[in-house]
Amino acid sequence: MMKILATWVLVALVILSLPSFIPGIEIGSTSFGTALLVALFFGILNAVVRPIILLIAFPITIVTLGLFSFVVNAGLFWWVGSFMEGFHVDGFVPALLGSLVVSVTTFISDKLLSNN
């Protein structure tokens, strides 16, 4: 449980810092609470919706050698920006860059916090 909470807070901190180095991503009033909610919803979408989309788009994913999964991840990040108040993503490129940073952060935190 502590691993999940630590990863959630770390991802929220990264999301809070994204507007500093990725133009096109905005967090209104730089609220940590907003960043926590964005991290929560993005995590839920990645856990629930992303596998369904990747299953439906499996042929495209195979043809693109897995690169289409980056497009799906960016689309979900952009979608979170469309319905979260206080968080806005201006287009596909900022969504792609933001989702890549969040994914790498999640991967690294999972490796650092793992019990193995």
N, C-alpha and C. Protein backbone atom coordinates (compact mmCIF):
# COMPACT_ATOMS: atom_id res chain seq x y z
N MET A 1 0.82 -1.19 0.00
CA MET A 1 0.00 0.00 0.00
C MET A 1 0.87 1.26 0.00
N MET A 2 1.97 1.21 0.74
CA MET A 2 2.86 2.36 0.80
C MET A 2 3.51 2.62 -0.56
N LYS A 3 3.80 1.53 -1.30
CA LYS A 3 4.39 1.67 -2.62
C LYS A 3 3.44 2.42 -3.56
N ILE A 4 2.17 2.08 -3.49
CA ILE A 4 1.17 2.73 -4.34
C ILE A 4 1.06 4.21 -3.99
N LEU A 5 1.00 4.51 -2.70
CA LEU A 5 0.91 5.91 -2.28
C LEU A 5 2.15 6.71 -2.65
N ALA A 6 3.32 6.11 -2.49
CA ALA A 6 4.57 6.79 -2.83
C ALA A 6 4.63 7.06 -4.33
N THR A 7 4.24 6.08 -5.13
CA THR A 7 4.24 6.27 -6.58
C THR A 7 3.23 7.34 -6.98
N TRP A 8 2.07 7.34 -6.35
CA TRP A 8 1.03 8.33 -6.65
C TRP A 8 1.53 9.74 -6.34
N VAL A 9 2.15 9.94 -5.19
CA VAL A 9 2.66 11.26 -4.82
C VAL A 9 3.80 11.68 -5.75
N LEU A 10 4.68 10.75 -6.11
CA LEU A 10 5.78 11.07 -7.01
C LEU A 10 5.28 11.46 -8.38
N VAL A 11 4.30 10.73 -8.90
CA VAL A 11 3.73 11.07 -10.21
C VAL A 11 3.02 12.41 -10.15
N ALA A 12 2.34 12.68 -9.05
CA ALA A 12 1.68 13.99 -8.89
C ALA A 12 2.71 15.12 -8.88
N LEU A 13 3.84 14.91 -8.23
CA LEU A 13 4.90 15.93 -8.24
C LEU A 13 5.45 16.14 -9.64
N VAL A 14 5.60 15.06 -10.39
CA VAL A 14 6.07 15.18 -11.76
C VAL A 14 5.04 15.92 -12.61
N ILE A 15 3.77 15.59 -12.45
CA ILE A 15 2.72 16.28 -13.21
C ILE A 15 2.69 17.76 -12.84
N LEU A 16 2.93 18.06 -11.59
CA LEU A 16 2.97 19.45 -11.14
C LEU A 16 4.13 20.20 -11.79
N SER A 17 5.21 19.51 -12.09
CA SER A 17 6.38 20.16 -12.68
C SER A 17 6.34 20.18 -14.21
N LEU A 18 5.45 19.42 -14.85
CA LEU A 18 5.40 19.35 -16.31
C LEU A 18 5.27 20.71 -17.00
N PRO A 19 4.42 21.62 -16.51
CA PRO A 19 4.32 22.91 -17.20
C PRO A 19 5.62 23.71 -17.24
N SER A 20 6.56 23.39 -16.37
CA SER A 20 7.83 24.10 -16.34
C SER A 20 8.70 23.79 -17.55
N PHE A 21 8.61 22.57 -18.08
CA PHE A 21 9.49 22.21 -19.19
C PHE A 21 8.79 21.66 -20.43
N ILE A 22 7.47 21.55 -20.40
CA ILE A 22 6.73 21.15 -21.60
C ILE A 22 5.68 22.22 -21.89
N PRO A 23 5.94 23.05 -22.91
CA PRO A 23 4.93 24.05 -23.26
C PRO A 23 3.68 23.36 -23.80
N GLY A 24 2.54 23.85 -23.40
CA GLY A 24 1.28 23.27 -23.83
C GLY A 24 0.57 22.50 -22.74
N ILE A 25 1.22 22.31 -21.61
CA ILE A 25 0.59 21.67 -20.46
C ILE A 25 0.46 22.74 -19.38
N GLU A 26 -0.75 22.90 -18.87
CA GLU A 26 -1.00 23.93 -17.87
C GLU A 26 -1.74 23.33 -16.68
N ILE A 27 -1.31 23.74 -15.50
CA ILE A 27 -2.03 23.39 -14.28
C ILE A 27 -2.42 24.69 -13.62
N GLY A 28 -3.72 24.91 -13.50
CA GLY A 28 -4.22 26.15 -12.94
C GLY A 28 -3.80 26.33 -11.49
N SER A 29 -3.25 27.45 -11.19
CA SER A 29 -2.83 27.86 -9.85
C SER A 29 -1.86 26.88 -9.20
N THR A 30 -1.19 26.07 -10.03
CA THR A 30 -0.21 25.07 -9.58
C THR A 30 -0.62 24.39 -8.28
N SER A 31 -1.75 23.78 -8.32
CA SER A 31 -2.31 23.12 -7.14
C SER A 31 -1.85 21.67 -7.06
N PHE A 32 -1.31 21.28 -5.91
CA PHE A 32 -0.89 19.90 -5.70
C PHE A 32 -2.10 18.97 -5.68
N GLY A 33 -3.23 19.46 -5.18
CA GLY A 33 -4.45 18.66 -5.18
C GLY A 33 -4.90 18.31 -6.59
N THR A 34 -4.81 19.28 -7.49
CA THR A 34 -5.15 19.02 -8.89
C THR A 34 -4.20 17.98 -9.47
N ALA A 35 -2.92 18.11 -9.17
CA ALA A 35 -1.95 17.15 -9.68
C ALA A 35 -2.22 15.74 -9.13
N LEU A 36 -2.62 15.65 -7.88
CA LEU A 36 -2.97 14.34 -7.31
C LEU A 36 -4.17 13.72 -8.03
N LEU A 37 -5.18 14.55 -8.32
CA LEU A 37 -6.35 14.04 -9.04
C LEU A 37 -6.01 13.63 -10.47
N VAL A 38 -5.17 14.41 -11.13
CA VAL A 38 -4.74 14.07 -12.49
C VAL A 38 -3.99 12.74 -12.47
N ALA A 39 -3.09 12.57 -11.52
CA ALA A 39 -2.34 11.32 -11.41
C ALA A 39 -3.29 10.15 -11.13
N LEU A 40 -4.28 10.37 -10.28
CA LEU A 40 -5.24 9.31 -9.97
C LEU A 40 -6.05 8.91 -11.20
N PHE A 41 -6.63 9.90 -11.90
CA PHE A 41 -7.45 9.58 -13.06
C PHE A 41 -6.62 9.00 -14.20
N PHE A 42 -5.41 9.51 -14.40
CA PHE A 42 -4.55 8.96 -15.45
C PHE A 42 -4.18 7.51 -15.11
N GLY A 43 -3.91 7.24 -13.86
CA GLY A 43 -3.61 5.87 -13.44
C GLY A 43 -4.78 4.93 -13.63
N ILE A 44 -5.97 5.41 -13.28
CA ILE A 44 -7.17 4.58 -13.45
C ILE A 44 -7.43 4.30 -14.93
N LEU A 45 -7.31 5.34 -15.76
CA LEU A 45 -7.51 5.14 -17.20
C LEU A 45 -6.47 4.19 -17.77
N ASN A 46 -5.23 4.31 -17.32
CA ASN A 46 -4.19 3.40 -17.80
C ASN A 46 -4.43 1.97 -17.36
N ALA A 47 -5.04 1.79 -16.21
CA ALA A 47 -5.30 0.44 -15.71
C ALA A 47 -6.54 -0.18 -16.30
N VAL A 48 -7.54 0.63 -16.63
CA VAL A 48 -8.83 0.09 -17.06
C VAL A 48 -9.06 0.26 -18.57
N VAL A 49 -8.92 1.46 -19.07
CA VAL A 49 -9.28 1.76 -20.46
C VAL A 49 -8.17 1.37 -21.44
N ARG A 50 -6.92 1.63 -21.08
CA ARG A 50 -5.81 1.38 -21.98
C ARG A 50 -5.74 -0.07 -22.47
N PRO A 51 -5.87 -1.07 -21.58
CA PRO A 51 -5.82 -2.45 -22.09
C PRO A 51 -6.94 -2.77 -23.07
N ILE A 52 -8.11 -2.19 -22.86
CA ILE A 52 -9.23 -2.42 -23.78
C ILE A 52 -8.93 -1.82 -25.15
N ILE A 53 -8.40 -0.59 -25.15
CA ILE A 53 -8.08 0.07 -26.42
C ILE A 53 -6.96 -0.70 -27.13
N LEU A 54 -5.95 -1.12 -26.39
CA LEU A 54 -4.86 -1.86 -27.01
C LEU A 54 -5.31 -3.21 -27.54
N LEU A 55 -6.27 -3.83 -26.89
CA LEU A 55 -6.80 -5.09 -27.39
C LEU A 55 -7.56 -4.88 -28.70
N ILE A 56 -8.37 -3.82 -28.74
CA ILE A 56 -9.11 -3.52 -29.96
C ILE A 56 -8.17 -3.15 -31.10
N ALA A 57 -7.12 -2.40 -30.76
CA ALA A 57 -6.18 -1.91 -31.77
C ALA A 57 -4.96 -2.82 -31.90
N PHE A 58 -5.09 -4.07 -31.51
CA PHE A 58 -3.95 -4.99 -31.54
C PHE A 58 -3.30 -5.10 -32.93
N PRO A 59 -4.07 -5.19 -34.01
CA PRO A 59 -3.42 -5.27 -35.33
C PRO A 59 -2.57 -4.02 -35.64
N ILE A 60 -3.07 -2.85 -35.29
CA ILE A 60 -2.31 -1.62 -35.53
C ILE A 60 -1.04 -1.62 -34.68
N THR A 61 -1.16 -2.10 -33.46
CA THR A 61 0.00 -2.16 -32.57
C THR A 61 1.06 -3.10 -33.11
N ILE A 62 0.64 -4.21 -33.66
CA ILE A 62 1.58 -5.17 -34.25
C ILE A 62 2.27 -4.56 -35.47
N VAL A 63 1.50 -3.93 -36.34
CA VAL A 63 2.07 -3.35 -37.56
C VAL A 63 3.07 -2.24 -37.23
N THR A 64 2.79 -1.47 -36.20
CA THR A 64 3.68 -0.37 -35.83
C THR A 64 4.75 -0.80 -34.83
N LEU A 65 4.87 -2.10 -34.60
CA LEU A 65 5.86 -2.66 -33.67
C LEU A 65 5.73 -2.09 -32.27
N GLY A 66 4.51 -1.85 -31.85
CA GLY A 66 4.24 -1.39 -30.50
C GLY A 66 4.21 0.12 -30.33
N LEU A 67 4.58 0.87 -31.34
CA LEU A 67 4.61 2.33 -31.22
C LEU A 67 3.23 2.94 -31.06
N PHE A 68 2.20 2.23 -31.50
CA PHE A 68 0.84 2.75 -31.35
C PHE A 68 0.45 2.87 -29.88
N SER A 69 1.08 2.10 -29.01
CA SER A 69 0.77 2.21 -27.58
C SER A 69 1.14 3.59 -27.04
N PHE A 70 2.17 4.24 -27.62
CA PHE A 70 2.50 5.61 -27.24
C PHE A 70 1.37 6.56 -27.61
N VAL A 71 0.76 6.32 -28.76
CA VAL A 71 -0.36 7.15 -29.21
C VAL A 71 -1.55 6.97 -28.26
N VAL A 72 -1.82 5.74 -27.86
CA VAL A 72 -2.92 5.48 -26.93
C VAL A 72 -2.66 6.16 -25.60
N ASN A 73 -1.44 6.06 -25.09
CA ASN A 73 -1.09 6.69 -23.83
C ASN A 73 -1.22 8.21 -23.91
N ALA A 74 -0.76 8.79 -25.01
CA ALA A 74 -0.88 10.24 -25.20
C ALA A 74 -2.34 10.65 -25.30
N GLY A 75 -3.14 9.85 -25.98
CA GLY A 75 -4.57 10.15 -26.10
C GLY A 75 -5.27 10.14 -24.75
N LEU A 76 -4.91 9.19 -23.90
CA LEU A 76 -5.50 9.14 -22.56
C LEU A 76 -5.06 10.34 -21.72
N PHE A 77 -3.79 10.73 -21.85
CA PHE A 77 -3.29 11.90 -21.11
C PHE A 77 -4.01 13.16 -21.58
N TRP A 78 -4.20 13.28 -22.89
CA TRP A 78 -4.91 14.42 -23.47
C TRP A 78 -6.36 14.42 -23.01
N TRP A 79 -6.96 13.24 -22.94
CA TRP A 79 -8.35 13.12 -22.50
C TRP A 79 -8.50 13.56 -21.05
N VAL A 80 -7.56 13.19 -20.20
CA VAL A 80 -7.60 13.64 -18.81
C VAL A 80 -7.57 15.16 -18.76
N GLY A 81 -6.76 15.77 -19.62
CA GLY A 81 -6.70 17.23 -19.68
C GLY A 81 -7.98 17.87 -20.15
N SER A 82 -8.81 17.11 -20.86
CA SER A 82 -10.06 17.69 -21.37
C SER A 82 -11.17 17.72 -20.32
N PHE A 83 -11.14 16.82 -19.33
CA PHE A 83 -12.23 16.83 -18.36
C PHE A 83 -11.81 17.20 -16.94
N MET A 84 -10.53 17.35 -16.68
CA MET A 84 -10.07 17.76 -15.35
C MET A 84 -10.00 19.28 -15.28
N GLU A 85 -10.73 19.85 -14.37
CA GLU A 85 -10.68 21.29 -14.19
C GLU A 85 -9.35 21.66 -13.53
N GLY A 86 -8.68 22.67 -14.10
CA GLY A 86 -7.40 23.10 -13.58
C GLY A 86 -6.22 22.42 -14.24
N PHE A 87 -6.47 21.52 -15.19
CA PHE A 87 -5.41 20.84 -15.92
C PHE A 87 -5.76 20.87 -17.39
N HIS A 88 -4.83 21.36 -18.21
CA HIS A 88 -5.13 21.50 -19.64
C HIS A 88 -3.91 21.07 -20.46
N VAL A 89 -4.17 20.31 -21.51
CA VAL A 89 -3.14 19.89 -22.47
C VAL A 89 -3.54 20.45 -23.82
N ASP A 90 -2.64 21.23 -24.44
CA ASP A 90 -2.97 21.97 -25.66
C ASP A 90 -3.03 21.13 -26.93
N GLY A 91 -2.36 20.02 -27.00
CA GLY A 91 -2.38 19.25 -28.23
C GLY A 91 -1.74 17.89 -28.06
N PHE A 92 -1.54 17.23 -29.21
CA PHE A 92 -1.03 15.87 -29.17
C PHE A 92 0.43 15.80 -28.73
N VAL A 93 1.26 16.70 -29.24
CA VAL A 93 2.69 16.65 -28.90
C VAL A 93 2.92 16.88 -27.41
N PRO A 94 2.30 17.91 -26.79
CA PRO A 94 2.46 18.02 -25.34
C PRO A 94 1.91 16.81 -24.59
N ALA A 95 0.82 16.23 -25.09
CA ALA A 95 0.26 15.03 -24.45
C ALA A 95 1.22 13.86 -24.57
N LEU A 96 1.85 13.71 -25.72
CA LEU A 96 2.81 12.63 -25.92
C LEU A 96 4.02 12.80 -25.00
N LEU A 97 4.56 14.01 -24.95
CA LEU A 97 5.72 14.26 -24.08
C LEU A 97 5.36 14.09 -22.61
N GLY A 98 4.20 14.61 -22.21
CA GLY A 98 3.77 14.49 -20.82
C GLY A 98 3.53 13.05 -20.42
N SER A 99 2.89 12.29 -21.30
CA SER A 99 2.63 10.88 -20.97
C SER A 99 3.92 10.07 -20.93
N LEU A 100 4.89 10.42 -21.77
CA LEU A 100 6.18 9.73 -21.73
C LEU A 100 6.90 10.00 -20.41
N VAL A 101 6.89 11.25 -19.97
CA VAL A 101 7.56 11.60 -18.71
C VAL A 101 6.88 10.89 -17.54
N VAL A 102 5.55 10.89 -17.54
CA VAL A 102 4.82 10.23 -16.46
C VAL A 102 5.06 8.72 -16.49
N SER A 103 5.08 8.12 -17.66
CA SER A 103 5.31 6.68 -17.78
C SER A 103 6.71 6.29 -17.31
N VAL A 104 7.70 7.08 -17.71
CA VAL A 104 9.08 6.79 -17.27
C VAL A 104 9.20 6.95 -15.76
N THR A 105 8.57 7.99 -15.23
CA THR A 105 8.60 8.20 -13.78
C THR A 105 7.95 7.03 -13.04
N THR A 106 6.82 6.57 -13.53
CA THR A 106 6.14 5.44 -12.92
C THR A 106 6.99 4.19 -12.99
N PHE A 107 7.61 3.96 -14.13
CA PHE A 107 8.47 2.79 -14.31
C PHE A 107 9.64 2.82 -13.32
N ILE A 108 10.30 3.97 -13.23
CA ILE A 108 11.46 4.09 -12.35
C ILE A 108 11.04 3.94 -10.88
N SER A 109 9.93 4.57 -10.50
CA SER A 109 9.49 4.45 -9.11
C SER A 109 9.09 3.02 -8.78
N ASP A 110 8.48 2.31 -9.72
CA ASP A 110 8.15 0.91 -9.49
C ASP A 110 9.40 0.07 -9.28
N LYS A 111 10.45 0.33 -10.07
CA LYS A 111 11.68 -0.41 -9.93
C LYS A 111 12.39 -0.08 -8.62
N LEU A 112 12.39 1.18 -8.24
CA LEU A 112 13.07 1.59 -7.02
C LEU A 112 12.34 1.12 -5.76
N LEU A 113 11.02 1.07 -5.81
CA LEU A 113 10.23 0.71 -4.65
C LEU A 113 9.86 -0.77 -4.57
N SER A 114 10.32 -1.55 -5.56
CA SER A 114 9.95 -2.96 -5.55
C SER A 114 10.69 -3.69 -4.44
N ASN A 115 10.10 -4.77 -3.99
CA ASN A 115 10.69 -5.56 -2.90
C ASN A 115 11.73 -6.54 -3.38
N ASN A 116 11.83 -6.72 -4.67
CA ASN A 116 12.78 -7.71 -5.23
C ASN A 116 14.17 -7.15 -5.31
